[in-house]
Amino acid sequence: MPDGSTRPYPDENWNRWDLKPATADKQFVCVQSVVVDDADMLWVVDPAAPLLAANVIGGEKLVKIDLKTNTVAQVIRFSAEVAPAGSYLNDIRVDVQRNTAYLTDSGLGGIVVVDLATGKAHRALDGHPSVKAEMGIKIVIDGKPVLRNGKTPEFNSDGIALSPDGSYLYYQALTGATLYRIKTDLLRNASISAEAVSAGVEKVAKTFPVDGLWMDRQGRVYLSGLNQKAVLRLEKDGQIQTMVQDDRLEWPDTFSEGPDGAIYITASHINEAPAYNEGKSVRREPFAVFKFQPK
């Protein structure tokens, strides 16, 4: 809050899950992403897989909150076909003009497309190389490889960005080094064959391990560089330049853009979690959201 205090949002009930499957569809199980669309609505992605464990059946959902009233306006629950066991719905971008949302699945790899008017959803690009982690890619922070059980963790399609006109969706596997894009009209039409959708995938740039993506109003793609502790930007000429580098950007992740063009970025410290440190948490507070004004 403006005075520095905190409170449950949108209310206490949504944040008091009792760990029972029967209530998982009515309360937050595991909030992964919160994004505000161009109509000033807040969308909350709940993959219902706490600590990357098994999905809580029936808990996978998308929650729309009206920021004018701070109340839940819509809940879209996902079936087992859309969010099967092993999935992890991660990040979201919303096209207000087409009333469509696009989500990445970083668990199995894939894109989930949601018709926000009807609540119907379908999966796209399942099994396609562009949504899968790449072999040989390493996450190294402060000279220390990020390992789980002695191996580099495999995170599939994660970061996602939507072009200003809504015609292209950009995405990348976190444990990857290639940025891809695809025309959104190929994704929205569930009747198009998987082969035709796959044929529409385009390679955009060679990159590095990236968690968060963002495209600004000028069509430039921002990338959160895990290994670099930095925010970088893919320019229209294909060059990647460092916008800001700071040791406090420990595993930079989710982006947002303010009305004045300021870019906000979180530092999640995921590499300090017990899973990547032989069962011991080495996390250091404070956790923070940072802001910078790009040129």
Protein backbone atom coordinates (compact mmCIF):
# COMPACT_ATOMS: atom_id res chain seq x y z
CA MET A 1 0.00 0.00 0.00
CA PRO A 2 1.13 3.66 -0.35
CA ASP A 3 2.04 3.80 3.34
CA GLY A 4 4.29 0.75 3.04
CA SER A 5 1.90 -1.71 4.66
CA THR A 6 0.68 -4.91 3.01
CA ARG A 7 -2.71 -6.61 2.79
CA PRO A 8 -4.16 -9.69 1.11
CA TYR A 9 -5.42 -8.97 -2.38
CA PRO A 10 -8.14 -8.87 -3.54
CA ASP A 11 -9.25 -10.10 -0.12
CA GLU A 12 -8.23 -12.49 2.62
CA ASN A 13 -10.43 -15.36 1.49
CA TRP A 14 -8.71 -15.72 -1.87
CA ASN A 15 -5.40 -16.04 -0.04
CA ARG A 16 -6.41 -18.60 2.59
CA TRP A 17 -6.36 -21.91 0.75
CA ASP A 18 -6.86 -24.75 3.24
CA LEU A 19 -4.70 -27.22 1.23
CA LYS A 20 -7.78 -29.25 0.29
CA PRO A 21 -8.48 -30.08 -3.38
CA ALA A 22 -12.16 -29.26 -2.92
CA THR A 23 -11.40 -25.57 -2.45
CA ALA A 24 -8.53 -25.26 -4.94
CA ASP A 25 -10.78 -23.84 -7.66
CA LYS A 26 -12.02 -21.00 -5.44
CA GLN A 27 -8.77 -19.81 -3.86
CA PHE A 28 -5.20 -19.14 -4.89
CA VAL A 29 -3.11 -22.30 -4.72
CA CYS A 30 0.11 -21.05 -6.30
CA VAL A 31 0.13 -17.60 -7.88
CA GLN A 32 2.72 -17.45 -10.64
CA SER A 33 1.99 -14.31 -12.63
CA VAL A 34 0.01 -11.07 -12.32
CA VAL A 35 -0.42 -8.87 -15.39
CA VAL A 36 -2.51 -5.74 -16.03
CA ASP A 37 -4.08 -5.47 -19.49
CA ASP A 38 -4.83 -2.35 -21.54
CA ALA A 39 -8.34 -2.18 -20.07
CA ASP A 40 -6.89 -1.89 -16.55
CA MET A 41 -7.90 -5.40 -15.56
CA LEU A 42 -5.58 -7.60 -13.54
CA TRP A 43 -5.07 -11.21 -14.64
CA VAL A 44 -3.71 -13.74 -12.14
CA VAL A 45 -2.27 -17.05 -13.35
CA ASP A 46 -2.60 -19.95 -10.88
CA PRO A 47 -0.87 -23.13 -12.15
CA ALA A 48 -1.88 -24.88 -8.90
CA ALA A 49 1.49 -26.60 -8.57
CA PRO A 50 3.11 -25.36 -5.34
CA LEU A 51 6.91 -25.56 -5.30
CA LEU A 52 6.76 -27.08 -8.81
CA ALA A 53 5.17 -30.20 -7.34
CA ALA A 54 2.22 -32.12 -8.79
CA ASN A 55 -0.78 -30.14 -9.98
CA VAL A 56 -3.67 -29.85 -7.55
CA ILE A 57 -6.48 -31.22 -9.72
CA GLY A 58 -9.08 -28.57 -10.49
CA GLY A 59 -6.96 -25.72 -9.17
CA GLU A 60 -5.48 -24.53 -12.48
CA LYS A 61 -7.15 -21.25 -13.33
CA LEU A 62 -7.01 -17.70 -14.61
CA VAL A 63 -8.53 -15.03 -12.37
CA LYS A 64 -9.61 -11.60 -13.61
CA ILE A 65 -9.73 -8.78 -11.03
CA ASP A 66 -11.34 -5.41 -11.67
CA LEU A 67 -8.86 -2.81 -10.42
CA LYS A 68 -11.59 -0.21 -10.06
CA THR A 69 -13.49 -2.28 -7.49
CA ASN A 70 -10.70 -4.67 -6.40
CA THR A 71 -13.05 -7.61 -6.79
CA VAL A 72 -12.89 -10.80 -8.83
CA ALA A 73 -14.78 -10.33 -12.10
CA GLN A 74 -14.15 -13.69 -13.80
CA VAL A 75 -12.59 -17.08 -13.11
CA ILE A 76 -11.56 -19.31 -16.00
CA ARG A 77 -10.83 -22.85 -14.86
CA PHE A 78 -8.71 -25.11 -17.05
CA SER A 79 -9.48 -28.73 -17.84
CA ALA A 80 -6.98 -31.58 -17.69
CA GLU A 81 -6.68 -31.36 -21.48
CA VAL A 82 -5.51 -27.75 -21.24
CA ALA A 83 -3.44 -28.08 -18.05
CA PRO A 84 -2.49 -31.78 -17.82
CA ALA A 85 -0.38 -33.36 -15.11
CA GLY A 86 3.14 -31.98 -15.28
CA SER A 87 2.09 -28.64 -16.76
CA TYR A 88 3.02 -25.35 -15.13
CA LEU A 89 1.16 -22.33 -16.49
CA ASN A 90 3.68 -19.56 -16.22
CA ASP A 91 3.35 -16.16 -17.87
CA ILE A 92 0.50 -14.42 -19.67
CA ARG A 93 -0.15 -11.68 -22.19
CA VAL A 94 -3.63 -10.36 -22.93
CA ASP A 95 -4.89 -8.95 -26.24
CA VAL A 96 -7.84 -6.76 -25.29
CA GLN A 97 -8.81 -6.05 -28.90
CA ARG A 98 -9.17 -9.74 -29.72
CA ASN A 99 -10.33 -10.72 -26.23
CA THR A 100 -7.66 -13.40 -26.11
CA ALA A 101 -5.00 -14.46 -23.61
CA TYR A 102 -1.81 -16.39 -24.32
CA LEU A 103 -0.01 -18.36 -21.60
CA THR A 104 3.24 -20.29 -21.60
CA ASP A 105 3.48 -23.76 -20.07
CA SER A 106 7.00 -24.08 -18.69
CA GLY A 107 6.36 -27.57 -17.33
CA LEU A 108 5.51 -29.60 -20.42
CA GLY A 109 6.23 -26.87 -22.95
CA GLY A 110 3.49 -25.28 -25.03
CA ILE A 111 1.24 -22.26 -25.48
CA VAL A 112 -2.27 -22.09 -24.02
CA VAL A 113 -4.70 -19.87 -25.92
CA VAL A 114 -7.81 -18.62 -24.10
CA ASP A 115 -10.95 -17.05 -25.55
CA LEU A 116 -11.75 -14.67 -22.70
CA ALA A 117 -15.36 -14.20 -23.79
CA THR A 118 -16.25 -17.89 -23.61
CA GLY A 119 -13.54 -19.18 -21.29
CA LYS A 120 -12.66 -21.88 -23.82
CA ALA A 121 -8.97 -22.73 -24.10
CA HIS A 122 -6.75 -24.96 -26.18
CA ARG A 123 -3.08 -25.89 -26.37
CA ALA A 124 -0.74 -25.13 -29.26
CA LEU A 125 2.82 -26.12 -30.24
CA ASP A 126 2.90 -29.13 -27.91
CA GLY A 127 6.14 -30.99 -28.49
CA HIS A 128 7.53 -28.38 -30.87
CA PRO A 129 11.28 -27.72 -30.40
CA SER A 130 10.65 -24.00 -29.92
CA VAL A 131 8.81 -24.58 -26.62
CA LYS A 132 11.37 -27.04 -25.24
CA ALA A 133 14.55 -26.47 -23.24
CA GLU A 134 17.72 -26.63 -25.33
CA MET A 135 20.53 -29.08 -24.65
CA GLY A 136 23.83 -27.67 -23.46
CA ILE A 137 22.45 -24.39 -22.13
CA LYS A 138 23.75 -23.51 -18.68
CA ILE A 139 22.52 -21.04 -16.09
CA VAL A 140 25.53 -19.57 -14.30
CA ILE A 141 25.07 -16.80 -11.73
CA ASP A 142 28.01 -15.21 -9.92
CA GLY A 143 30.20 -17.93 -11.40
CA LYS A 144 28.10 -20.71 -9.84
CA PRO A 145 26.16 -23.11 -12.09
CA VAL A 146 22.49 -23.47 -11.14
CA LEU A 147 22.03 -27.23 -10.71
CA ARG A 148 19.31 -29.51 -9.42
CA ASN A 149 20.44 -32.99 -8.47
CA GLY A 150 23.69 -32.26 -10.25
CA LYS A 151 22.05 -31.24 -13.53
CA THR A 152 20.97 -28.00 -15.15
CA PRO A 153 17.20 -27.72 -14.59
CA GLU A 154 15.07 -27.88 -17.72
CA PHE A 155 12.53 -25.07 -17.90
CA ASN A 156 10.50 -25.01 -21.09
CA SER A 157 8.55 -22.13 -22.68
CA ASP A 158 8.47 -19.35 -20.11
CA GLY A 159 8.96 -15.73 -21.17
CA ILE A 160 6.28 -14.31 -23.46
CA ALA A 161 5.67 -10.99 -25.22
CA LEU A 162 2.95 -9.65 -27.48
CA SER A 163 3.59 -7.18 -30.29
CA PRO A 164 1.82 -3.80 -29.88
CA ASP A 165 -0.64 -4.63 -32.66
CA GLY A 166 -1.29 -8.12 -31.27
CA SER A 167 -0.25 -9.84 -34.50
CA TYR A 168 2.82 -11.67 -33.17
CA LEU A 169 3.57 -13.64 -30.02
CA TYR A 170 7.21 -13.90 -28.93
CA TYR A 171 8.39 -16.64 -26.55
CA GLN A 172 11.41 -18.54 -25.32
CA ALA A 173 12.32 -21.52 -23.17
CA LEU A 174 14.02 -20.33 -19.99
CA THR A 175 16.75 -22.95 -20.37
CA GLY A 176 17.29 -21.92 -23.95
CA ALA A 177 19.14 -19.51 -26.20
CA THR A 178 16.68 -18.83 -29.00
CA LEU A 179 13.87 -16.30 -29.18
CA TYR A 180 10.93 -17.34 -31.37
CA ARG A 181 7.75 -15.73 -32.64
CA ILE A 182 4.55 -16.85 -34.35
CA LYS A 183 1.55 -15.07 -35.85
CA THR A 184 -1.26 -15.02 -33.32
CA ASP A 185 -3.93 -15.83 -35.90
CA LEU A 186 -2.32 -19.26 -36.22
CA LEU A 187 -2.62 -19.76 -32.48
CA ARG A 188 -6.19 -18.52 -32.06
CA ASN A 189 -7.72 -20.86 -34.62
CA ALA A 190 -8.03 -24.22 -32.86
CA SER A 191 -9.08 -25.92 -36.10
CA ILE A 192 -5.74 -25.29 -37.82
CA SER A 193 -3.60 -28.43 -37.94
CA ALA A 194 -0.64 -28.80 -35.61
CA GLU A 195 1.60 -29.08 -38.66
CA ALA A 196 0.41 -25.75 -40.03
CA VAL A 197 0.92 -24.03 -36.69
CA SER A 198 4.40 -25.51 -36.35
CA ALA A 199 5.29 -24.30 -39.84
CA GLY A 200 4.52 -20.75 -38.75
CA VAL A 201 7.22 -20.64 -36.05
CA GLU A 202 10.02 -18.16 -36.81
CA LYS A 203 13.43 -17.79 -35.19
CA VAL A 204 14.00 -14.18 -34.14
CA ALA A 205 17.38 -14.08 -32.39
CA LYS A 206 20.07 -16.03 -30.61
CA THR A 207 19.89 -15.20 -26.94
CA PHE A 208 20.76 -16.72 -23.54
CA PRO A 209 18.83 -18.02 -20.50
CA VAL A 210 15.90 -15.61 -20.14
CA ASP A 211 13.00 -15.72 -17.69
CA GLY A 212 10.96 -12.60 -18.47
CA LEU A 213 10.15 -10.98 -21.82
CA TRP A 214 8.46 -7.70 -22.62
CA MET A 215 7.75 -5.76 -25.82
CA ASP A 216 7.34 -2.00 -25.47
CA ARG A 217 5.12 0.28 -27.52
CA GLN A 218 7.95 0.81 -30.00
CA GLY A 219 8.20 -2.92 -30.71
CA ARG A 220 11.48 -3.52 -28.89
CA VAL A 221 11.87 -6.75 -26.91
CA TYR A 222 13.28 -6.62 -23.37
CA LEU A 223 14.96 -9.73 -21.99
CA SER A 224 15.84 -10.55 -18.39
CA GLY A 225 19.38 -11.93 -18.54
CA LEU A 226 19.86 -14.47 -15.75
CA ASN A 227 23.57 -15.02 -16.24
CA GLN A 228 24.24 -11.31 -16.69
CA LYS A 229 22.06 -10.01 -13.82
CA ALA A 230 20.81 -7.53 -16.36
CA VAL A 231 17.99 -6.30 -18.53
CA LEU A 232 18.83 -6.34 -22.22
CA ARG A 233 16.93 -5.16 -25.27
CA LEU A 234 16.62 -6.59 -28.75
CA GLU A 235 16.59 -3.65 -31.13
CA LYS A 236 14.74 -3.61 -34.42
CA ASP A 237 18.06 -4.02 -36.26
CA GLY A 238 18.65 -7.35 -34.47
CA GLN A 239 21.31 -6.09 -32.09
CA ILE A 240 21.05 -6.85 -28.36
CA GLN A 241 22.20 -4.16 -25.98
CA THR A 242 22.42 -4.04 -22.20
CA MET A 243 19.97 -1.54 -20.72
CA VAL A 244 20.88 -1.95 -17.07
CA GLN A 245 23.14 -4.32 -15.11
CA ASP A 246 23.02 -4.54 -11.32
CA ASP A 247 24.07 -7.18 -8.79
CA ARG A 248 20.68 -6.74 -7.12
CA LEU A 249 19.04 -8.24 -10.21
CA GLU A 250 19.33 -11.75 -8.82
CA TRP A 251 17.38 -13.89 -11.31
CA PRO A 252 15.45 -11.02 -12.94
CA ASP A 253 12.00 -12.15 -13.98
CA THR A 254 8.64 -10.49 -14.56
CA PHE A 255 8.35 -7.23 -16.53
CA SER A 256 5.75 -4.51 -16.54
CA GLU A 257 5.57 -1.10 -18.19
CA GLY A 258 4.15 2.04 -16.63
CA PRO A 259 2.09 4.68 -18.46
CA ASP A 260 5.20 6.88 -18.62
CA GLY A 261 7.21 4.14 -20.35
CA ALA A 262 9.13 3.16 -17.22
CA ILE A 263 10.05 -0.52 -17.09
CA TYR A 264 9.55 -2.51 -13.90
CA ILE A 265 11.40 -5.79 -13.20
CA THR A 266 11.37 -8.22 -10.29
CA ALA A 267 14.34 -10.07 -8.78
CA SER A 268 13.15 -13.51 -7.71
CA HIS A 269 16.34 -15.07 -6.23
CA ILE A 270 15.21 -18.47 -7.54
CA ASN A 271 18.82 -19.65 -7.72
CA GLU A 272 19.03 -19.27 -3.93
CA ALA A 273 16.20 -21.74 -3.28
CA PRO A 274 16.91 -25.04 -1.48
CA ALA A 275 16.36 -27.09 -4.67
CA TYR A 276 19.50 -25.55 -6.19
CA ASN A 277 21.63 -25.51 -3.05
CA GLU A 278 21.68 -29.11 -1.83
CA GLY A 279 18.48 -28.67 0.14
CA LYS A 280 19.50 -25.50 1.97
CA SER A 281 18.00 -22.07 1.45
CA VAL A 282 20.59 -19.35 0.99
CA ARG A 283 18.09 -16.67 0.10
CA ARG A 284 18.93 -13.14 1.10
CA GLU A 285 16.39 -10.44 1.76
CA PRO A 286 15.13 -8.00 0.78
CA PHE A 287 13.27 -9.12 -2.33
CA ALA A 288 12.51 -6.19 -4.57
CA VAL A 289 10.86 -4.73 -7.62
CA PHE A 290 13.07 -2.34 -9.57
CA LYS A 291 12.29 0.41 -12.05
CA PHE A 292 14.25 2.15 -14.77
CA GLN A 293 13.47 4.60 -17.55
CA PRO A 294 14.73 3.32 -20.94
CA LYS A 295 15.85 5.65 -23.68
